[in-house]
Amino acid sequence: MSVAAPLRTAAPAAVVRPARRRGRAASATAVLLLALAGSVVAAVAIGPADITPSELLASAWSHLTGAASGLSPIRDAIVWEGRVPRVLTAAAVGGGLALCGAVMQALTRNPLADPYLLGLSSGASTGAVIVIVLGAAVALPFAAFAGALLALALTLGLARAAGASSATAVVLAGLAVSAVLGALTSLVIFWRATTDSYREILSWLLGSLGGADWSSVALAGTAALVCAVPLLAAARPLDSLVLGDTAAEALGLPVTRLRVLLFVCTALLTGALVAVSGSIGFVGLILPHAVRAVVGSRHRVLLPVSFLAGAVFLIWADTIARTVFDPRELPVGIVTALIGGPVFAALMLRMRKARA
């Protein structure tokens, strides 16, 4: 009598794949956390006046505890008043835009959605341009934020007046509002901008972190923390919304109310970020796609990893913008577009090969 050898059965693919995705997500999160910390230190060090990590730590310790830093007043100002707030603002803006982009792509089920889809960028630009031509640039962040909120109100109001609250209706309303406010911005520039204000307007419209200070860190950082909490908490509902309104309602979700709340939260965060940085493109568009290709589409992982990736990306984009052509400085939006365009094209080609 022969005894059959025990069969070796492979683990089902449905079990292996989630475990593999969880491993990738954990690895990606750990790598990005280390990259973010290293990027902050490296970006502060890079520049015409070389700053060592020990000088950065000495300056930070001095300002946090009141102890003597041992640095000259000029070098201490370069670190604490110049580079540190700029790098921290870049991290908050980049992370927030990437997070908003991932949420907008889920809400609209549109892979081309970005944080500016509701006309927020055009509204912020209108507010910023008006105060610049009036010579009140000190109020620029407040005017830009108010303009973004006005664009949001007009978009949601138009969608509701049209009798529809679907994602498609909101997106179409946003396109209409964006066109009108964009035309208004162009009219103000054409009618009132002078040689002095035109350069400042152009720099803001292309996105710049050159004027970042500790108030910028406070605004962008607070907005990112306050608005990121509800957005991250909505990870499971976003997974359901991606399946469609009918499927989400079958799961008991209040689709219309949830979508409006997430639109408003995303718009508030985007408006605050645009108010301190101007319109920086491609961050909210390409980073979620790049992260999705690594860790998958589950928003419980996608959202926090997108935030970390966006923070690292914008820190280095801004470092390139301020150093490559020193003493001249590029608007960071030019750098993100030069990097983002080819990267997005590569991602499109990769997705095409995956479907083939």
Protein backbone atom coordinates (compact mmCIF):
# COMPACT_ATOMS: atom_id res chain seq x y z
CA MET A 1 0.00 0.00 0.00
CA SER A 2 1.43 3.29 -0.98
CA VAL A 3 1.06 6.44 0.98
CA ALA A 4 0.39 9.49 -1.12
CA ALA A 5 2.77 12.36 -0.55
CA PRO A 6 1.12 15.41 0.96
CA LEU A 7 0.12 17.93 -1.63
CA ARG A 8 1.81 21.32 -1.56
CA THR A 9 -0.80 23.92 -2.21
CA ALA A 10 0.12 27.46 -3.10
CA ALA A 11 -1.48 30.31 -1.22
CA PRO A 12 -4.40 31.80 -3.16
CA ALA A 13 -3.56 34.88 -5.17
CA ALA A 14 -6.26 36.81 -3.29
CA VAL A 15 -4.33 36.21 -0.07
CA VAL A 16 -0.84 36.83 -1.47
CA ARG A 17 -1.65 40.09 -3.24
CA PRO A 18 -3.04 41.99 -0.22
CA ALA A 19 -0.07 40.85 1.85
CA ARG A 20 2.28 42.03 -0.87
CA ARG A 21 0.49 45.37 -1.10
CA ARG A 22 0.68 45.82 2.66
CA GLY A 23 4.42 45.14 2.52
CA ARG A 24 4.88 47.67 -0.25
CA ALA A 25 2.83 50.24 1.61
CA ALA A 26 4.83 49.80 4.82
CA SER A 27 8.11 49.98 2.91
CA ALA A 28 7.03 53.04 0.93
CA THR A 29 5.89 54.83 4.10
CA ALA A 30 9.15 54.11 5.93
CA VAL A 31 11.27 55.17 2.96
CA LEU A 32 9.32 58.39 2.47
CA LEU A 33 9.48 59.32 6.15
CA LEU A 34 13.26 58.94 6.07
CA ALA A 35 13.40 60.78 2.74
CA LEU A 36 11.32 63.65 4.16
CA ALA A 37 13.58 64.08 7.17
CA GLY A 38 16.71 63.88 5.02
CA SER A 39 15.23 66.25 2.43
CA VAL A 40 14.52 68.92 5.04
CA VAL A 41 18.10 68.81 6.31
CA ALA A 42 19.64 68.68 2.83
CA ALA A 43 17.45 71.44 1.39
CA VAL A 44 18.32 73.78 4.27
CA ALA A 45 22.01 73.06 3.72
CA ILE A 46 21.99 73.68 -0.04
CA GLY A 47 22.49 77.23 -1.22
CA PRO A 48 25.08 79.96 -1.82
CA ALA A 49 25.87 79.99 1.91
CA ASP A 50 26.60 76.37 2.75
CA ILE A 51 24.91 75.34 5.99
CA THR A 52 26.02 72.20 7.81
CA PRO A 53 23.55 69.93 9.64
CA SER A 54 25.23 70.86 12.93
CA GLU A 55 24.57 74.56 12.25
CA LEU A 56 20.93 73.77 11.49
CA LEU A 57 20.57 71.88 14.77
CA ALA A 58 22.38 74.62 16.69
CA SER A 59 20.11 77.32 15.27
CA ALA A 60 16.95 75.30 15.91
CA TRP A 61 18.04 74.48 19.48
CA SER A 62 18.84 78.13 20.12
CA HIS A 63 15.44 79.37 18.98
CA LEU A 64 13.53 76.63 20.75
CA THR A 65 15.34 76.85 24.09
CA GLY A 66 16.89 80.31 24.16
CA ALA A 67 20.44 78.93 24.42
CA ALA A 68 23.30 80.49 22.45
CA SER A 69 23.69 79.00 18.97
CA GLY A 70 27.33 79.95 18.39
CA LEU A 71 26.41 81.18 14.90
CA SER A 72 26.87 84.68 13.56
CA PRO A 73 23.61 86.69 13.34
CA ILE A 74 23.75 86.53 9.54
CA ARG A 75 24.13 82.74 9.35
CA ASP A 76 21.49 82.23 12.02
CA ALA A 77 19.08 84.43 10.03
CA ILE A 78 19.84 82.49 6.83
CA VAL A 79 18.91 79.26 8.58
CA TRP A 80 16.01 80.22 10.84
CA GLU A 81 14.39 83.14 9.01
CA GLY A 82 15.14 82.11 5.42
CA ARG A 83 15.60 78.47 4.62
CA VAL A 84 13.80 76.59 7.40
CA PRO A 85 10.39 78.26 6.95
CA ARG A 86 10.70 77.96 3.17
CA VAL A 87 11.47 74.24 3.31
CA LEU A 88 8.71 73.55 5.84
CA THR A 89 6.23 75.53 3.75
CA ALA A 90 7.22 73.54 0.67
CA ALA A 91 6.64 70.29 2.58
CA ALA A 92 3.19 71.38 3.79
CA VAL A 93 2.14 72.71 0.37
CA GLY A 94 3.44 69.71 -1.57
CA GLY A 95 1.90 67.19 0.81
CA GLY A 96 -1.42 69.02 0.94
CA LEU A 97 -1.71 69.36 -2.85
CA ALA A 98 -0.92 65.67 -3.39
CA LEU A 99 -3.50 64.68 -0.77
CA CYS A 100 -6.13 66.95 -2.34
CA GLY A 101 -5.36 65.55 -5.78
CA ALA A 102 -5.89 61.96 -4.61
CA VAL A 103 -9.21 62.91 -2.98
CA MET A 104 -10.42 64.84 -6.04
CA GLN A 105 -9.61 61.93 -8.36
CA ALA A 106 -11.70 59.64 -6.17
CA LEU A 107 -14.61 62.08 -5.77
CA THR A 108 -14.89 62.78 -9.49
CA ARG A 109 -13.71 59.35 -10.70
CA ASN A 110 -11.54 61.31 -13.10
CA PRO A 111 -7.83 60.44 -13.43
CA LEU A 112 -7.12 63.97 -14.70
CA ALA A 113 -8.61 65.70 -11.67
CA ASP A 114 -6.38 67.92 -9.56
CA PRO A 115 -6.92 70.25 -6.58
CA TYR A 116 -7.73 73.20 -8.87
CA LEU A 117 -10.64 71.50 -10.63
CA LEU A 118 -13.33 73.55 -8.87
CA GLY A 119 -11.96 76.87 -10.09
CA LEU A 120 -10.01 77.43 -6.88
CA SER A 121 -6.80 78.45 -8.61
CA SER A 122 -8.59 80.97 -10.80
CA GLY A 123 -10.41 82.44 -7.81
CA ALA A 124 -7.22 82.72 -5.79
CA SER A 125 -5.45 84.29 -8.77
CA THR A 126 -8.18 86.90 -9.13
CA GLY A 127 -7.93 87.90 -5.48
CA ALA A 128 -4.13 87.98 -5.54
CA VAL A 129 -3.90 90.02 -8.74
CA ILE A 130 -6.40 92.59 -7.49
CA VAL A 131 -4.44 93.34 -4.31
CA ILE A 132 -1.12 93.41 -6.19
CA VAL A 133 -2.30 96.00 -8.72
CA LEU A 134 -3.81 98.03 -5.87
CA GLY A 135 -0.42 98.07 -4.15
CA ALA A 136 -1.64 96.08 -1.14
CA ALA A 137 0.51 92.97 -1.61
CA VAL A 138 0.73 92.56 2.17
CA ALA A 139 -2.87 91.31 2.04
CA LEU A 140 -2.12 88.83 -0.77
CA PRO A 141 -2.57 85.57 1.22
CA PHE A 142 -5.91 86.73 2.61
CA ALA A 143 -7.13 87.94 -0.79
CA ALA A 144 -6.06 84.70 -2.47
CA PHE A 145 -7.81 82.59 0.16
CA ALA A 146 -10.95 84.71 -0.12
CA GLY A 147 -10.88 84.35 -3.90
CA ALA A 148 -10.60 80.57 -3.62
CA LEU A 149 -13.58 80.47 -1.24
CA LEU A 150 -15.57 82.68 -3.62
CA ALA A 151 -14.81 80.26 -6.48
CA LEU A 152 -15.95 77.33 -4.36
CA ALA A 153 -19.20 79.08 -3.42
CA LEU A 154 -19.90 79.96 -7.06
CA THR A 155 -19.14 76.41 -8.21
CA LEU A 156 -21.36 74.68 -5.66
CA GLY A 157 -24.07 77.31 -6.11
CA LEU A 158 -24.07 76.87 -9.88
CA ALA A 159 -24.20 73.08 -9.60
CA ARG A 160 -27.13 73.32 -7.17
CA ALA A 161 -28.94 75.91 -9.35
CA ALA A 162 -28.61 73.50 -12.26
CA GLY A 163 -30.48 70.94 -10.17
CA ALA A 164 -27.64 68.43 -10.01
CA SER A 165 -25.23 67.44 -7.28
CA SER A 166 -23.30 64.71 -9.06
CA ALA A 167 -19.55 64.83 -9.45
CA THR A 168 -19.93 65.59 -13.16
CA ALA A 169 -22.18 68.58 -12.50
CA VAL A 170 -19.79 70.02 -9.92
CA VAL A 171 -16.82 69.58 -12.27
CA LEU A 172 -18.64 71.28 -15.15
CA ALA A 173 -19.66 74.14 -12.86
CA GLY A 174 -16.05 74.45 -11.75
CA LEU A 175 -14.88 74.70 -15.35
CA ALA A 176 -17.37 77.49 -16.03
CA VAL A 177 -16.38 79.42 -12.90
CA SER A 178 -12.69 78.93 -13.69
CA ALA A 179 -13.15 80.34 -17.20
CA VAL A 180 -14.97 83.44 -15.96
CA LEU A 181 -12.55 84.17 -13.13
CA GLY A 182 -9.57 83.49 -15.40
CA ALA A 183 -10.92 86.05 -17.86
CA LEU A 184 -11.46 88.53 -15.01
CA THR A 185 -7.86 88.04 -13.88
CA SER A 186 -6.60 88.67 -17.41
CA LEU A 187 -8.75 91.80 -17.65
CA VAL A 188 -7.32 93.20 -14.40
CA ILE A 189 -3.76 92.49 -15.56
CA PHE A 190 -4.40 94.08 -18.97
CA TRP A 191 -6.14 97.14 -17.56
CA ARG A 192 -4.14 97.96 -14.43
CA ALA A 193 -0.83 96.08 -14.24
CA THR A 194 2.33 98.15 -14.54
CA THR A 195 5.89 97.08 -15.17
CA ASP A 196 6.60 96.81 -11.43
CA SER A 197 3.50 94.81 -10.54
CA TYR A 198 3.56 92.63 -13.66
CA ARG A 199 6.67 90.72 -12.59
CA GLU A 200 5.20 90.09 -9.13
CA ILE A 201 1.93 88.92 -10.67
CA LEU A 202 3.72 86.58 -13.07
CA SER A 203 5.80 85.09 -10.28
CA TRP A 204 2.72 84.41 -8.17
CA LEU A 205 0.71 82.94 -11.04
CA LEU A 206 3.54 80.52 -11.82
CA GLY A 207 3.91 79.54 -8.16
CA SER A 208 6.67 80.69 -5.85
CA LEU A 209 7.84 80.01 -2.30
CA GLY A 210 10.33 82.87 -2.31
CA GLY A 211 8.34 84.90 0.19
CA ALA A 212 7.71 82.05 2.64
CA ASP A 213 8.17 82.93 6.31
CA TRP A 214 6.97 81.56 9.63
CA SER A 215 3.46 82.94 9.03
CA SER A 216 3.39 80.86 5.82
CA VAL A 217 4.42 77.80 7.81
CA ALA A 218 1.67 78.49 10.33
CA LEU A 219 -1.03 78.93 7.66
CA ALA A 220 -0.03 76.02 5.42
CA GLY A 221 0.85 73.70 8.30
CA THR A 222 -2.33 74.40 10.28
CA ALA A 223 -4.51 73.97 7.19
CA ALA A 224 -2.76 70.72 6.30
CA LEU A 225 -3.21 69.31 9.81
CA VAL A 226 -6.81 70.44 10.29
CA CYS A 227 -8.08 69.43 6.85
CA ALA A 228 -5.99 66.28 6.50
CA VAL A 229 -7.70 64.65 9.49
CA PRO A 230 -11.21 64.44 7.92
CA LEU A 231 -9.78 63.62 4.51
CA LEU A 232 -7.74 60.72 5.89
CA ALA A 233 -10.74 59.59 7.97
CA ALA A 234 -12.79 59.39 4.75
CA ALA A 235 -10.50 56.75 3.21
CA ARG A 236 -13.07 53.91 3.37
CA PRO A 237 -15.96 56.02 2.01
CA LEU A 238 -13.70 57.14 -0.84
CA ASP A 239 -13.07 53.48 -1.73
CA SER A 240 -16.83 53.10 -2.03
CA LEU A 241 -17.34 56.29 -4.03
CA VAL A 242 -14.83 55.09 -6.62
CA LEU A 243 -17.25 52.23 -7.37
CA GLY A 244 -20.01 54.68 -8.25
CA ASP A 245 -22.87 56.45 -6.49
CA THR A 246 -25.23 53.48 -6.74
CA ALA A 247 -22.77 51.09 -5.10
CA ALA A 248 -21.92 53.64 -2.39
CA GLU A 249 -25.60 54.25 -1.59
CA ALA A 250 -26.16 50.49 -1.40
CA LEU A 251 -23.50 50.43 1.32
CA GLY A 252 -25.45 53.03 3.28
CA LEU A 253 -23.34 56.10 2.50
CA PRO A 254 -25.02 59.53 2.26
CA VAL A 255 -23.37 60.16 -1.10
CA THR A 256 -24.50 63.73 -1.81
CA ARG A 257 -23.75 65.08 1.66
CA LEU A 258 -20.43 63.24 1.86
CA ARG A 259 -19.31 64.50 -1.53
CA VAL A 260 -20.14 68.12 -0.68
CA LEU A 261 -18.33 67.89 2.67
CA LEU A 262 -15.22 66.43 1.05
CA PHE A 263 -15.32 69.01 -1.76
CA VAL A 264 -15.49 71.81 0.83
CA CYS A 265 -12.69 70.34 2.97
CA THR A 266 -10.48 69.85 -0.09
CA ALA A 267 -11.23 73.37 -1.29
CA LEU A 268 -10.41 74.93 2.09
CA LEU A 269 -7.06 73.15 2.19
CA THR A 270 -6.26 74.01 -1.43
CA GLY A 271 -7.23 77.64 -0.90
CA ALA A 272 -4.96 77.96 2.13
CA LEU A 273 -2.04 76.37 0.28
CA VAL A 274 -2.49 78.47 -2.85
CA ALA A 275 -2.64 81.58 -0.67
CA VAL A 276 0.97 81.07 0.46
CA SER A 277 2.50 79.53 -2.68
CA GLY A 278 0.58 80.62 -5.74
CA SER A 279 -0.64 78.13 -8.33
CA ILE A 280 1.82 75.22 -8.40
CA GLY A 281 0.75 72.73 -11.02
CA PHE A 282 1.18 68.99 -11.51
CA VAL A 283 1.85 68.12 -7.84
CA GLY A 284 -1.76 67.16 -7.16
CA LEU A 285 -2.04 65.43 -10.54
CA ILE A 286 1.01 63.21 -10.91
CA LEU A 287 1.90 62.29 -7.32
CA PRO A 288 -1.30 60.30 -6.62
CA HIS A 289 -0.82 58.37 -9.86
CA ALA A 290 2.81 57.61 -9.08
CA VAL A 291 1.94 56.46 -5.55
CA ARG A 292 -1.01 54.42 -6.79
CA ALA A 293 1.32 52.52 -9.11
CA VAL A 294 3.39 51.43 -6.09
CA VAL A 295 0.96 50.87 -3.21
CA GLY A 296 -2.36 50.31 -4.99
CA SER A 297 -5.65 52.19 -4.90
CA ARG A 298 -6.86 51.66 -1.34
CA HIS A 299 -7.20 55.15 0.08
CA ARG A 300 -6.26 54.13 3.61
CA VAL A 301 -2.72 53.77 2.24
CA LEU A 302 -2.86 55.98 -0.83
CA LEU A 303 -3.74 59.22 1.00
CA PRO A 304 -0.95 59.32 3.64
CA VAL A 305 1.69 58.03 1.24
CA SER A 306 0.65 60.65 -1.35
CA PHE A 307 1.05 63.34 1.31
CA LEU A 308 4.59 62.21 2.12
CA ALA A 309 5.53 61.88 -1.56
CA GLY A 310 4.17 65.35 -2.35
CA ALA A 311 6.11 66.89 0.53
CA VAL A 312 9.41 65.34 -0.60
CA PHE A 313 8.77 66.21 -4.24
CA LEU A 314 8.05 69.90 -3.68
CA ILE A 315 10.97 70.35 -1.30
CA TRP A 316 13.35 69.25 -4.04
CA ALA A 317 11.50 71.09 -6.81
CA ASP A 318 11.80 74.31 -4.82
CA THR A 319 15.46 73.61 -4.05
CA ILE A 320 16.11 73.28 -7.78
CA ALA A 321 14.13 76.45 -8.48
CA ARG A 322 16.18 78.59 -6.08
CA THR A 323 19.66 77.19 -6.74
CA VAL A 324 20.13 76.04 -10.34
CA PHE A 325 20.16 79.54 -11.84
CA ASP A 326 21.48 81.36 -8.77
CA PRO A 327 21.42 84.33 -8.25
CA ARG A 328 18.22 84.29 -10.30
CA GLU A 329 15.33 82.22 -9.00
CA LEU A 330 12.77 80.32 -11.04
CA PRO A 331 9.11 80.12 -10.03
CA VAL A 332 8.72 76.62 -8.65
CA GLY A 333 5.70 76.01 -10.87
CA ILE A 334 8.02 75.98 -13.89
CA VAL A 335 10.11 73.23 -12.30
CA THR A 336 7.09 71.10 -11.35
CA ALA A 337 5.74 71.42 -14.90
CA LEU A 338 9.08 70.49 -16.48
CA ILE A 339 9.29 67.41 -14.24
CA GLY A 340 5.60 66.60 -14.11
CA GLY A 341 4.88 66.61 -17.83
CA PRO A 342 7.34 63.85 -18.80
CA VAL A 343 6.55 61.85 -15.64
CA PHE A 344 2.84 61.95 -16.38
CA ALA A 345 3.48 60.87 -19.98
CA ALA A 346 5.58 57.94 -18.70
CA LEU A 347 2.80 56.94 -16.29
CA MET A 348 0.28 57.01 -19.15
CA LEU A 349 2.48 54.73 -21.24
CA ARG A 350 2.93 52.38 -18.29
CA MET A 351 -0.83 52.18 -17.74
CA ARG A 352 -1.32 51.44 -21.42
CA LYS A 353 1.15 48.54 -21.26
CA ALA A 354 -0.60 47.23 -18.12
CA ARG A 355 -3.94 47.17 -19.95
CA ALA A 356 -2.47 45.44 -22.98
